[in-house]
Amino acid sequence: MPDGSFHPCERTGNVMPIGDVKAGIVPARVGRLQREFHDALTDRCRDCWALRLCGLCFAAQASCSDRTGAKVPPSALCEALCRTQERALTLVVRTLALPDERRAWLEATKVS
C-alpha cells in the first residue's frame, strides 16, 4: 500500500496487514490470517463438492470484513462459485462427448 504496509494482495485493501516496508512480512500475522481464514470456512467448506476447485480467497473475506465485520463470506458467494464450476465442468463433459471430428476441430482452433 502507499503507506508502506504489506497485505496478501491488492484486493484485500487495508483490512489484512501482514507487515510493512520497515519490519518486512511478519510470520505471526500471516499465520493468524491463515488460521482465521481456515477457521471461518471450515464448517461451510468441509462437505462442499467444489472444495478443490474453489476460487474463494482472502480478498472475499476482506471484502465482507470491511463492509460488515463478518469473517465468513456470504453463502450466496459460495453458491455462485459452485454454479460457475458446475457450468465449466458441464461444458467439459459435453465437449468430451462430441464426435471425434468436432472435437478435432476444437482442438485445432487456436485461442488467442
PDB file of N, CA and C in Angstrom:
ATOM      1  N   MET A   1       0.847  -1.181   0.000  1.00  0.00           N
ATOM      2  CA  MET A   1       0.000   0.000   0.000  1.00  0.00           C
ATOM      3  C   MET A   1       0.893   1.244   0.000  1.00  0.00           C
ATOM      4  N   PRO A   2       0.356   2.379  -0.360  1.00  0.00           N
ATOM      5  CA  PRO A   2       1.153   3.604  -0.389  1.00  0.00           C
ATOM      6  C   PRO A   2       1.781   3.963   0.964  1.00  0.00           C
ATOM      7  N   ASP A   3       1.146   3.495   2.046  1.00  0.00           N
ATOM      8  CA  ASP A   3       1.689   3.821   3.367  1.00  0.00           C
ATOM      9  C   ASP A   3       2.836   2.900   3.776  1.00  0.00           C
ATOM     10  N   GLY A   4       3.185   1.937   2.912  1.00  0.00           N
ATOM     11  CA  GLY A   4       4.288   1.024   3.209  1.00  0.00           C
ATOM     12  C   GLY A   4       3.858  -0.281   3.841  1.00  0.00           C
ATOM     13  N   SER A   5       2.564  -0.453   4.068  1.00  0.00           N
ATOM     14  CA  SER A   5       2.090  -1.701   4.671  1.00  0.00           C
ATOM     15  C   SER A   5       1.948  -2.791   3.608  1.00  0.00           C
ATOM     16  N   PHE A   6       2.175  -4.035   4.024  1.00  0.00           N
ATOM     17  CA  PHE A   6       2.027  -5.199   3.148  1.00  0.00           C
ATOM     18  C   PHE A   6       0.716  -5.896   3.465  1.00  0.00           C
ATOM     19  N   HIS A   7       0.073  -6.413   2.414  1.00  0.00           N
ATOM     20  CA  HIS A   7      -1.190  -7.141   2.535  1.00  0.00           C
ATOM     21  C   HIS A   7      -1.123  -8.347   1.608  1.00  0.00           C
ATOM     22  N   PRO A   8      -1.971  -9.367   1.819  1.00  0.00           N
ATOM     23  CA  PRO A   8      -1.886 -10.567   0.974  1.00  0.00           C
ATOM     24  C   PRO A   8      -1.998 -10.276  -0.517  1.00  0.00           C
ATOM     25  N   CYS A   9      -2.834  -9.317  -0.892  1.00  0.00           N
ATOM     26  CA  CYS A   9      -2.935  -8.905  -2.295  1.00  0.00           C
ATOM     27  C   CYS A   9      -3.579  -7.538  -2.362  1.00  0.00           C
ATOM     28  N   GLU A  10      -3.559  -6.944  -3.535  1.00  0.00           N
ATOM     29  CA  GLU A  10      -4.093  -5.590  -3.677  1.00  0.00           C
ATOM     30  C   GLU A  10      -5.598  -5.531  -3.451  1.00  0.00           C
ATOM     31  N   ARG A  11      -6.273  -6.664  -3.587  1.00  0.00           N
ATOM     32  CA  ARG A  11      -7.730  -6.681  -3.442  1.00  0.00           C
ATOM     33  C   ARG A  11      -8.195  -6.776  -1.993  1.00  0.00           C
ATOM     34  N   THR A  12      -7.285  -6.978  -1.043  1.00  0.00           N
ATOM     35  CA  THR A  12      -7.707  -7.070   0.360  1.00  0.00           C
ATOM     36  C   THR A  12      -7.795  -5.704   1.020  1.00  0.00           C
ATOM     37  N   GLY A  13      -7.338  -4.667   0.351  1.00  0.00           N
ATOM     38  CA  GLY A  13      -7.406  -3.329   0.931  1.00  0.00           C
ATOM     39  C   GLY A  13      -6.544  -3.227   2.180  1.00  0.00           C
ATOM     40  N   ASN A  14      -6.989  -2.439   3.138  1.00  0.00           N
ATOM     41  CA  ASN A  14      -6.243  -2.227   4.385  1.00  0.00           C
ATOM     42  C   ASN A  14      -6.676  -3.151   5.511  1.00  0.00           C
ATOM     43  N   VAL A  15      -7.510  -4.124   5.221  1.00  0.00           N
ATOM     44  CA  VAL A  15      -8.112  -4.957   6.261  1.00  0.00           C
ATOM     45  C   VAL A  15      -7.166  -6.017   6.819  1.00  0.00           C
ATOM     46  N   MET A  16      -6.208  -6.464   6.039  1.00  0.00           N
ATOM     47  CA  MET A  16      -5.384  -7.612   6.432  1.00  0.00           C
ATOM     48  C   MET A  16      -3.885  -7.312   6.370  1.00  0.00           C
ATOM     49  N   PRO A  17      -3.386  -6.429   7.217  1.00  0.00           N
ATOM     50  CA  PRO A  17      -1.955  -6.137   7.167  1.00  0.00           C
ATOM     51  C   PRO A  17      -1.113  -7.336   7.618  1.00  0.00           C
ATOM     52  N   ILE A  18      -0.035  -7.595   6.894  1.00  0.00           N
ATOM     53  CA  ILE A  18       0.854  -8.706   7.269  1.00  0.00           C
ATOM     54  C   ILE A  18       2.295  -8.230   7.466  1.00  0.00           C
ATOM     55  N   GLY A  19       2.473  -6.917   7.529  1.00  0.00           N
ATOM     56  CA  GLY A  19       3.792  -6.363   7.734  1.00  0.00           C
ATOM     57  C   GLY A  19       3.903  -5.010   7.077  1.00  0.00           C
ATOM     58  N   ASP A  20       5.149  -4.535   6.997  1.00  0.00           N
ATOM     59  CA  ASP A  20       5.379  -3.256   6.345  1.00  0.00           C
ATOM     60  C   ASP A  20       6.803  -3.214   5.802  1.00  0.00           C
ATOM     61  N   VAL A  21       7.110  -2.130   5.135  1.00  0.00           N
ATOM     62  CA  VAL A  21       8.405  -1.992   4.484  1.00  0.00           C
ATOM     63  C   VAL A  21       9.545  -2.086   5.495  1.00  0.00           C
ATOM     64  N   LYS A  22       9.384  -1.497   6.670  1.00  0.00           N
ATOM     65  CA  LYS A  22      10.454  -1.487   7.674  1.00  0.00           C
ATOM     66  C   LYS A  22      10.634  -2.851   8.332  1.00  0.00           C
ATOM     67  N   ALA A  23       9.542  -3.461   8.777  1.00  0.00           N
ATOM     68  CA  ALA A  23       9.621  -4.731   9.522  1.00  0.00           C
ATOM     69  C   ALA A  23       9.637  -5.942   8.608  1.00  0.00           C
ATOM     70  N   GLY A  24       9.186  -5.776   7.370  1.00  0.00           N
ATOM     71  CA  GLY A  24       9.054  -6.919   6.468  1.00  0.00           C
ATOM     72  C   GLY A  24       7.758  -7.664   6.742  1.00  0.00           C
ATOM     73  N   ILE A  25       7.645  -8.827   6.174  1.00  0.00           N
ATOM     74  CA  ILE A  25       6.455  -9.655   6.402  1.00  0.00           C
ATOM     75  C   ILE A  25       6.597 -10.316   7.765  1.00  0.00           C
ATOM     76  N   VAL A  26       5.562 -10.211   8.576  1.00  0.00           N
ATOM     77  CA  VAL A  26       5.572 -10.749   9.935  1.00  0.00           C
ATOM     78  C   VAL A  26       4.917 -12.135   9.910  1.00  0.00           C
ATOM     79  N   PRO A  27       5.713 -13.198  10.085  1.00  0.00           N
ATOM     80  CA  PRO A  27       5.179 -14.562  10.017  1.00  0.00           C
ATOM     81  C   PRO A  27       3.980 -14.810  10.942  1.00  0.00           C
ATOM     82  N   ALA A  28       3.987 -14.228  12.124  1.00  0.00           N
ATOM     83  CA  ALA A  28       2.874 -14.440  13.060  1.00  0.00           C
ATOM     84  C   ALA A  28       1.569 -13.880  12.492  1.00  0.00           C
ATOM     85  N   ARG A  29       1.647 -12.745  11.812  1.00  0.00           N
ATOM     86  CA  ARG A  29       0.438 -12.165  11.200  1.00  0.00           C
ATOM     87  C   ARG A  29      -0.059 -13.036  10.053  1.00  0.00           C
ATOM     88  N   VAL A  30       0.858 -13.558   9.266  1.00  0.00           N
ATOM     89  CA  VAL A  30       0.480 -14.440   8.164  1.00  0.00           C
ATOM     90  C   VAL A  30      -0.182 -15.697   8.718  1.00  0.00           C
ATOM     91  N   GLY A  31       0.405 -16.274   9.744  1.00  0.00           N
ATOM     92  CA  GLY A  31      -0.164 -17.467  10.368  1.00  0.00           C
ATOM     93  C   GLY A  31      -1.548 -17.209  10.938  1.00  0.00           C
ATOM     94  N   ARG A  32      -1.715 -16.050  11.609  1.00  0.00           N
ATOM     95  CA  ARG A  32      -3.025 -15.698  12.171  1.00  0.00           C
ATOM     96  C   ARG A  32      -4.049 -15.551  11.052  1.00  0.00           C
ATOM     97  N   LEU A  33      -3.665 -14.895   9.982  1.00  0.00           N
ATOM     98  CA  LEU A  33      -4.560 -14.692   8.845  1.00  0.00           C
ATOM     99  C   LEU A  33      -4.983 -16.030   8.244  1.00  0.00           C
ATOM    100  N   GLN A  34      -4.036 -16.930   8.072  1.00  0.00           N
ATOM    101  CA  GLN A  34      -4.352 -18.255   7.534  1.00  0.00           C
ATOM    102  C   GLN A  34      -5.296 -19.013   8.468  1.00  0.00           C
ATOM    103  N   ARG A  35      -5.030 -18.966   9.772  1.00  0.00           N
ATOM    104  CA  ARG A  35      -5.897 -19.658  10.742  1.00  0.00           C
ATOM    105  C   ARG A  35      -7.311 -19.080  10.722  1.00  0.00           C
ATOM    106  N   GLU A  36      -7.413 -17.745  10.695  1.00  0.00           N
ATOM    107  CA  GLU A  36      -8.732 -17.111  10.668  1.00  0.00           C
ATOM    108  C   GLU A  36      -9.503 -17.504   9.411  1.00  0.00           C
ATOM    109  N   PHE A  37      -8.829 -17.517   8.277  1.00  0.00           N
ATOM    110  CA  PHE A  37      -9.469 -17.900   7.021  1.00  0.00           C
ATOM    111  C   PHE A  37      -9.947 -19.346   7.093  1.00  0.00           C
ATOM    112  N   HIS A  38      -9.065 -20.221   7.549  1.00  0.00           N
ATOM    113  CA  HIS A  38      -9.410 -21.636   7.662  1.00  0.00           C
ATOM    114  C   HIS A  38     -10.554 -21.843   8.659  1.00  0.00           C
ATOM    115  N   ASP A  39     -10.463 -21.238   9.824  1.00  0.00           N
ATOM    116  CA  ASP A  39     -11.490 -21.404  10.854  1.00  0.00           C
ATOM    117  C   ASP A  39     -12.842 -20.869  10.395  1.00  0.00           C
ATOM    118  N   ALA A  40     -12.828 -19.761   9.662  1.00  0.00           N
ATOM    119  CA  ALA A  40     -14.078 -19.144   9.215  1.00  0.00           C
ATOM    120  C   ALA A  40     -14.810 -20.013   8.197  1.00  0.00           C
ATOM    121  N   LEU A  41     -14.054 -20.779   7.413  1.00  0.00           N
ATOM    122  CA  LEU A  41     -14.681 -21.505   6.304  1.00  0.00           C
ATOM    123  C   LEU A  41     -14.755 -23.014   6.497  1.00  0.00           C
ATOM    124  N   THR A  42     -14.138 -23.537   7.536  1.00  0.00           N
ATOM    125  CA  THR A  42     -14.078 -24.989   7.709  1.00  0.00           C
ATOM    126  C   THR A  42     -15.450 -25.638   7.708  1.00  0.00           C
ATOM    127  N   ASP A  43     -16.373 -25.132   8.503  1.00  0.00           N
ATOM    128  CA  ASP A  43     -17.692 -25.774   8.600  1.00  0.00           C
ATOM    129  C   ASP A  43     -18.435 -25.732   7.272  1.00  0.00           C
ATOM    130  N   ARG A  44     -18.353 -24.616   6.577  1.00  0.00           N
ATOM    131  CA  ARG A  44     -19.080 -24.483   5.314  1.00  0.00           C
ATOM    132  C   ARG A  44     -18.443 -25.328   4.211  1.00  0.00           C
ATOM    133  N   CYS A  45     -17.144 -25.374   4.183  1.00  0.00           N
ATOM    134  CA  CYS A  45     -16.442 -25.996   3.058  1.00  0.00           C
ATOM    135  C   CYS A  45     -16.214 -27.494   3.210  1.00  0.00           C
ATOM    136  N   ARG A  46     -16.288 -27.980   4.410  1.00  0.00           N
ATOM    137  CA  ARG A  46     -15.926 -29.373   4.688  1.00  0.00           C
ATOM    138  C   ARG A  46     -16.575 -30.367   3.727  1.00  0.00           C
ATOM    139  N   ASP A  47     -17.845 -30.210   3.445  1.00  0.00           N
ATOM    140  CA  ASP A  47     -18.563 -31.174   2.614  1.00  0.00           C
ATOM    141  C   ASP A  47     -18.890 -30.635   1.221  1.00  0.00           C
ATOM    142  N   CYS A  48     -18.273 -29.538   0.826  1.00  0.00           N
ATOM    143  CA  CYS A  48     -18.566 -28.944  -0.479  1.00  0.00           C
ATOM    144  C   CYS A  48     -17.905 -29.750  -1.598  1.00  0.00           C
ATOM    145  N   TRP A  49     -18.671 -30.088  -2.605  1.00  0.00           N
ATOM    146  CA  TRP A  49     -18.140 -30.867  -3.725  1.00  0.00           C
ATOM    147  C   TRP A  49     -17.100 -30.081  -4.520  1.00  0.00           C
ATOM    148  N   ALA A  50     -17.156 -28.754  -4.463  1.00  0.00           N
ATOM    149  CA  ALA A  50     -16.257 -27.924  -5.268  1.00  0.00           C
ATOM    150  C   ALA A  50     -15.040 -27.429  -4.475  1.00  0.00           C
ATOM    151  N   LEU A  51     -14.779 -28.001  -3.340  1.00  0.00           N
ATOM    152  CA  LEU A  51     -13.706 -27.517  -2.468  1.00  0.00           C
ATOM    153  C   LEU A  51     -12.379 -27.360  -3.196  1.00  0.00           C
ATOM    154  N   ARG A  52     -11.972 -28.348  -3.956  1.00  0.00           N
ATOM    155  CA  ARG A  52     -10.667 -28.300  -4.631  1.00  0.00           C
ATOM    156  C   ARG A  52     -10.672 -27.405  -5.872  1.00  0.00           C
ATOM    157  N   LEU A  53     -11.846 -26.931  -6.270  1.00  0.00           N
ATOM    158  CA  LEU A  53     -11.967 -26.058  -7.433  1.00  0.00           C
ATOM    159  C   LEU A  53     -12.297 -24.622  -7.033  1.00  0.00           C
ATOM    160  N   CYS A  54     -12.408 -24.385  -5.753  1.00  0.00           N
ATOM    161  CA  CYS A  54     -12.900 -23.110  -5.238  1.00  0.00           C
ATOM    162  C   CYS A  54     -11.914 -21.974  -5.470  1.00  0.00           C
ATOM    163  N   GLY A  55     -12.447 -20.823  -5.802  1.00  0.00           N
ATOM    164  CA  GLY A  55     -11.626 -19.644  -6.002  1.00  0.00           C
ATOM    165  C   GLY A  55     -11.757 -18.632  -4.873  1.00  0.00           C
ATOM    166  N   LEU A  56     -12.439 -19.013  -3.807  1.00  0.00           N
ATOM    167  CA  LEU A  56     -12.599 -18.110  -2.676  1.00  0.00           C
ATOM    168  C   LEU A  56     -11.237 -17.826  -2.059  1.00  0.00           C
ATOM    169  N   CYS A  57     -10.967 -16.562  -1.767  1.00  0.00           N
ATOM    170  CA  CYS A  57      -9.634 -16.196  -1.293  1.00  0.00           C
ATOM    171  C   CYS A  57      -9.731 -15.140  -0.196  1.00  0.00           C
ATOM    172  N   PHE A  58      -8.592 -14.671   0.246  1.00  0.00           N
ATOM    173  CA  PHE A  58      -8.536 -13.656   1.282  1.00  0.00           C
ATOM    174  C   PHE A  58      -9.292 -12.396   0.873  1.00  0.00           C
ATOM    175  N   ALA A  59      -9.307 -12.081  -0.416  1.00  0.00           N
ATOM    176  CA  ALA A  59      -9.992 -10.874  -0.875  1.00  0.00           C
ATOM    177  C   ALA A  59     -11.487 -10.946  -0.586  1.00  0.00           C
ATOM    178  N   ALA A  60     -12.096 -12.116  -0.754  1.00  0.00           N
ATOM    179  CA  ALA A  60     -13.524 -12.269  -0.454  1.00  0.00           C
ATOM    180  C   ALA A  60     -13.767 -12.074   1.034  1.00  0.00           C
ATOM    181  N   GLN A  61     -12.895 -12.636   1.848  1.00  0.00           N
ATOM    182  CA  GLN A  61     -13.023 -12.483   3.294  1.00  0.00           C
ATOM    183  C   GLN A  61     -12.792 -11.021   3.693  1.00  0.00           C
ATOM    184  N   ALA A  62     -11.812 -10.379   3.095  1.00  0.00           N
ATOM    185  CA  ALA A  62     -11.531  -8.974   3.403  1.00  0.00           C
ATOM    186  C   ALA A  62     -12.700  -8.090   3.012  1.00  0.00           C
ATOM    187  N   SER A  63     -13.315  -8.400   1.892  1.00  0.00           N
ATOM    188  CA  SER A  63     -14.435  -7.607   1.406  1.00  0.00           C
ATOM    189  C   SER A  63     -15.601  -7.647   2.385  1.00  0.00           C
ATOM    190  N   CYS A  64     -15.938  -8.825   2.894  1.00  0.00           N
ATOM    191  CA  CYS A  64     -17.060  -8.898   3.827  1.00  0.00           C
ATOM    192  C   CYS A  64     -16.650  -8.365   5.195  1.00  0.00           C
ATOM    193  N   SER A  65     -15.392  -8.513   5.593  1.00  0.00           N
ATOM    194  CA  SER A  65     -14.925  -7.971   6.866  1.00  0.00           C
ATOM    195  C   SER A  65     -14.983  -6.448   6.844  1.00  0.00           C
ATOM    196  N   ASP A  66     -14.603  -5.881   5.718  1.00  0.00           N
ATOM    197  CA  ASP A  66     -14.565  -4.430   5.579  1.00  0.00           C
ATOM    198  C   ASP A  66     -15.970  -3.834   5.658  1.00  0.00           C
ATOM    199  N   ARG A  67     -16.941  -4.508   5.034  1.00  0.00           N
ATOM    200  CA  ARG A  67     -18.301  -3.971   4.976  1.00  0.00           C
ATOM    201  C   ARG A  67     -19.129  -4.296   6.207  1.00  0.00           C
ATOM    202  N   THR A  68     -19.009  -5.532   6.713  1.00  0.00           N
ATOM    203  CA  THR A  68     -19.923  -5.975   7.772  1.00  0.00           C
ATOM    204  C   THR A  68     -19.219  -6.405   9.044  1.00  0.00           C
ATOM    205  N   GLY A  69     -17.911  -6.563   9.012  1.00  0.00           N
ATOM    206  CA  GLY A  69     -17.182  -7.063  10.176  1.00  0.00           C
ATOM    207  C   GLY A  69     -17.212  -8.581  10.267  1.00  0.00           C
ATOM    208  N   ALA A  70     -17.937  -9.235   9.357  1.00  0.00           N
ATOM    209  CA  ALA A  70     -18.033 -10.696   9.366  1.00  0.00           C
ATOM    210  C   ALA A  70     -16.734 -11.310   8.881  1.00  0.00           C
ATOM    211  N   LYS A  71     -16.450 -12.511   9.335  1.00  0.00           N
ATOM    212  CA  LYS A  71     -15.255 -13.222   8.887  1.00  0.00           C
ATOM    213  C   LYS A  71     -15.584 -14.230   7.789  1.00  0.00           C
ATOM    214  N   VAL A  72     -16.863 -14.544   7.616  1.00  0.00           N
ATOM    215  CA  VAL A  72     -17.271 -15.550   6.644  1.00  0.00           C
ATOM    216  C   VAL A  72     -17.993 -14.872   5.482  1.00  0.00           C
ATOM    217  N   PRO A  73     -17.501 -15.077   4.265  1.00  0.00           N
ATOM    218  CA  PRO A  73     -18.199 -14.518   3.107  1.00  0.00           C
ATOM    219  C   PRO A  73     -19.632 -15.066   3.031  1.00  0.00           C
ATOM    220  N   PRO A  74     -20.556 -14.305   2.481  1.00  0.00           N
ATOM    221  CA  PRO A  74     -21.945 -14.765   2.407  1.00  0.00           C
ATOM    222  C   PRO A  74     -22.076 -16.068   1.621  1.00  0.00           C
ATOM    223  N   SER A  75     -23.022 -16.892   2.023  1.00  0.00           N
ATOM    224  CA  SER A  75     -23.214 -18.181   1.355  1.00  0.00           C
ATOM    225  C   SER A  75     -23.571 -17.994  -0.115  1.00  0.00           C
ATOM    226  N   ALA A  76     -24.189 -16.868  -0.462  1.00  0.00           N
ATOM    227  CA  ALA A  76     -24.521 -16.607  -1.869  1.00  0.00           C
ATOM    228  C   ALA A  76     -23.264 -16.574  -2.734  1.00  0.00           C
ATOM    229  N   LEU A  77     -22.172 -16.089  -2.177  1.00  0.00           N
ATOM    230  CA  LEU A  77     -20.914 -16.067  -2.922  1.00  0.00           C
ATOM    231  C   LEU A  77     -20.436 -17.487  -3.182  1.00  0.00           C
ATOM    232  N   CYS A  78     -20.512 -18.335  -2.165  1.00  0.00           N
ATOM    233  CA  CYS A  78     -20.113 -19.734  -2.340  1.00  0.00           C
ATOM    234  C   CYS A  78     -21.004 -20.429  -3.367  1.00  0.00           C
ATOM    235  N   GLU A  79     -22.293 -20.178  -3.289  1.00  0.00           N
ATOM    236  CA  GLU A  79     -23.225 -20.794  -4.232  1.00  0.00           C
ATOM    237  C   GLU A  79     -22.920 -20.352  -5.663  1.00  0.00           C
ATOM    238  N   ALA A  80     -22.591 -19.082  -5.844  1.00  0.00           N
ATOM    239  CA  ALA A  80     -22.254 -18.583  -7.182  1.00  0.00           C
ATOM    240  C   ALA A  80     -20.973 -19.241  -7.696  1.00  0.00           C
ATOM    241  N   LEU A  81     -19.974 -19.399  -6.826  1.00  0.00           N
ATOM    242  CA  LEU A  81     -18.734 -20.061  -7.233  1.00  0.00           C
ATOM    243  C   LEU A  81     -18.992 -21.514  -7.612  1.00  0.00           C
ATOM    244  N   CYS A  82     -19.851 -22.189  -6.863  1.00  0.00           N
ATOM    245  CA  CYS A  82     -20.189 -23.584  -7.180  1.00  0.00           C
ATOM    246  C   CYS A  82     -20.913 -23.678  -8.523  1.00  0.00           C
ATOM    247  N   ARG A  83     -21.841 -22.760  -8.782  1.00  0.00           N
ATOM    248  CA  ARG A  83     -22.547 -22.761 -10.074  1.00  0.00           C
ATOM    249  C   ARG A  83     -21.573 -22.540 -11.228  1.00  0.00           C
ATOM    250  N   THR A  84     -20.620 -21.650 -11.040  1.00  0.00           N
ATOM    251  CA  THR A  84     -19.621 -21.389 -12.082  1.00  0.00           C
ATOM    252  C   THR A  84     -18.807 -22.639 -12.363  1.00  0.00           C
ATOM    253  N   GLN A  85     -18.367 -23.330 -11.324  1.00  0.00           N
ATOM    254  CA  GLN A  85     -17.596 -24.565 -11.508  1.00  0.00           C
ATOM    255  C   GLN A  85     -18.449 -25.652 -12.146  1.00  0.00           C
ATOM    256  N   GLU A  86     -19.710 -25.720 -11.760  1.00  0.00           N
ATOM    257  CA  GLU A  86     -20.604 -26.722 -12.338  1.00  0.00           C
ATOM    258  C   GLU A  86     -20.795 -26.481 -13.833  1.00  0.00           C
ATOM    259  N   ARG A  87     -20.965 -25.211 -14.226  1.00  0.00           N
ATOM    260  CA  ARG A  87     -21.101 -24.882 -15.657  1.00  0.00           C
ATOM    261  C   ARG A  87     -19.833 -25.251 -16.420  1.00  0.00           C
ATOM    262  N   ALA A  88     -18.687 -24.966 -15.842  1.00  0.00           N
ATOM    263  CA  ALA A  88     -17.417 -25.277 -16.506  1.00  0.00           C
ATOM    264  C   ALA A  88     -17.252 -26.786 -16.680  1.00  0.00           C
ATOM    265  N   LEU A  89     -17.559 -27.541 -15.647  1.00  0.00           N
ATOM    266  CA  LEU A  89     -17.424 -28.998 -15.737  1.00  0.00           C
ATOM    267  C   LEU A  89     -18.437 -29.584 -16.714  1.00  0.00           C
ATOM    268  N   THR A  90     -19.634 -29.025 -16.742  1.00  0.00           N
ATOM    269  CA  THR A  90     -20.654 -29.480 -17.689  1.00  0.00           C
ATOM    270  C   THR A  90     -20.168 -29.259 -19.120  1.00  0.00           C
ATOM    271  N   LEU A  91     -19.562 -28.111 -19.375  1.00  0.00           N
ATOM    272  CA  LEU A  91     -19.030 -27.817 -20.703  1.00  0.00           C
ATOM    273  C   LEU A  91     -17.927 -28.802 -21.089  1.00  0.00           C
ATOM    274  N   VAL A  92     -17.071 -29.148 -20.143  1.00  0.00           N
ATOM    275  CA  VAL A  92     -16.008 -30.122 -20.418  1.00  0.00           C
ATOM    276  C   VAL A  92     -16.615 -31.470 -20.783  1.00  0.00           C
ATOM    277  N   VAL A  93     -17.594 -31.918 -19.999  1.00  0.00           N
ATOM    278  CA  VAL A  93     -18.230 -33.217 -20.267  1.00  0.00           C
ATOM    279  C   VAL A  93     -18.931 -33.203 -21.623  1.00  0.00           C
ATOM    280  N   ARG A  94     -19.649 -32.118 -21.929  1.00  0.00           N
ATOM    281  CA  ARG A  94     -20.325 -32.021 -23.226  1.00  0.00           C
ATOM    282  C   ARG A  94     -19.322 -32.006 -24.368  1.00  0.00           C
ATOM    283  N   THR A  95     -18.202 -31.330 -24.169  1.00  0.00           N
ATOM    284  CA  THR A  95     -17.169 -31.276 -25.206  1.00  0.00           C
ATOM    285  C   THR A  95     -16.568 -32.657 -25.429  1.00  0.00           C
ATOM    286  N   LEU A  96     -16.303 -33.359 -24.356  1.00  0.00           N
ATOM    287  CA  LEU A  96     -15.720 -34.704 -24.492  1.00  0.00           C
ATOM    288  C   LEU A  96     -16.691 -35.691 -25.141  1.00  0.00           C
ATOM    289  N   ALA A  97     -17.984 -35.408 -25.054  1.00  0.00           N
ATOM    290  CA  ALA A  97     -18.992 -36.292 -25.652  1.00  0.00           C
ATOM    291  C   ALA A  97     -19.219 -36.004 -27.138  1.00  0.00           C
ATOM    292  N   LEU A  98     -18.625 -34.947 -27.673  1.00  0.00           N
ATOM    293  CA  LEU A  98     -18.781 -34.621 -29.093  1.00  0.00           C
ATOM    294  C   LEU A  98     -18.140 -35.700 -29.959  1.00  0.00           C
ATOM    295  N   PRO A  99     -18.635 -35.838 -31.186  1.00  0.00           N
ATOM    296  CA  PRO A  99     -17.974 -36.762 -32.112  1.00  0.00           C
ATOM    297  C   PRO A  99     -16.519 -36.335 -32.336  1.00  0.00           C
ATOM    298  N   ASP A 100     -15.689 -37.310 -32.671  1.00  0.00           N
ATOM    299  CA  ASP A 100     -14.250 -37.062 -32.820  1.00  0.00           C
ATOM    300  C   ASP A 100     -13.919 -35.917 -33.775  1.00  0.00           C
ATOM    301  N   GLU A 101     -14.628 -35.834 -34.914  1.00  0.00           N
ATOM    302  CA  GLU A 101     -14.294 -34.795 -35.886  1.00  0.00           C
ATOM    303  C   GLU A 101     -14.606 -33.395 -35.350  1.00  0.00           C
ATOM    304  N   ARG A 102     -15.631 -33.254 -34.534  1.00  0.00           N
ATOM    305  CA  ARG A 102     -15.939 -31.943 -33.949  1.00  0.00           C
ATOM    306  C   ARG A 102     -14.919 -31.575 -32.874  1.00  0.00           C
ATOM    307  N   ARG A 103     -14.543 -32.546 -32.084  1.00  0.00           N
ATOM    308  CA  ARG A 103     -13.516 -32.287 -31.065  1.00  0.00           C
ATOM    309  C   ARG A 103     -12.186 -31.953 -31.717  1.00  0.00           C
ATOM    310  N   ALA A 104     -11.867 -32.616 -32.814  1.00  0.00           N
ATOM    311  CA  ALA A 104     -10.617 -32.341 -33.527  1.00  0.00           C
ATOM    312  C   ALA A 104     -10.599 -30.896 -34.013  1.00  0.00           C
ATOM    313  N   TRP A 105     -11.755 -30.409 -34.507  1.00  0.00           N
ATOM    314  CA  TRP A 105     -11.825 -29.021 -34.944  1.00  0.00           C
ATOM    315  C   TRP A 105     -11.580 -28.075 -33.769  1.00  0.00           C
ATOM    316  N   LEU A 106     -12.184 -28.359 -32.626  1.00  0.00           N
ATOM    317  CA  LEU A 106     -11.983 -27.532 -31.434  1.00  0.00           C
ATOM    318  C   LEU A 106     -10.525 -27.539 -30.999  1.00  0.00           C
ATOM    319  N   GLU A 107      -9.931 -28.699 -31.004  1.00  0.00           N
ATOM    320  CA  GLU A 107      -8.534 -28.819 -30.579  1.00  0.00           C
ATOM    321  C   GLU A 107      -7.585 -28.109 -31.549  1.00  0.00           C
ATOM    322  N   ALA A 108      -7.957 -28.058 -32.821  1.00  0.00           N
ATOM    323  CA  ALA A 108      -7.112 -27.405 -33.820  1.00  0.00           C
ATOM    324  C   ALA A 108      -7.292 -25.893 -33.826  1.00  0.00           C
ATOM    325  N   THR A 109      -8.392 -25.413 -33.263  1.00  0.00           N
ATOM    326  CA  THR A 109      -8.676 -23.990 -33.244  1.00  0.00           C
ATOM    327  C   THR A 109      -7.860 -23.333 -32.130  1.00  0.00           C
ATOM    328  N   LYS A 110      -7.082 -22.355 -32.520  1.00  0.00           N
ATOM    329  CA  LYS A 110      -6.241 -21.659 -31.546  1.00  0.00           C
ATOM    330  C   LYS A 110      -7.035 -20.553 -30.868  1.00  0.00           C
ATOM    331  N   VAL A 111      -6.882 -20.452 -29.588  1.00  0.00           N
ATOM    332  CA  VAL A 111      -7.498 -19.377 -28.816  1.00  0.00           C
ATOM    333  C   VAL A 111      -6.429 -18.337 -28.572  1.00  0.00           C
ATOM    334  N   SER A 112      -6.737 -17.107 -28.935  1.00  0.00           N
ATOM    335  CA  SER A 112      -5.732 -16.058 -28.725  1.00  0.00           C
ATOM    336  C   SER A 112      -6.104 -15.155 -27.575  1.00  0.00           C
TER     337      SER A 112
END
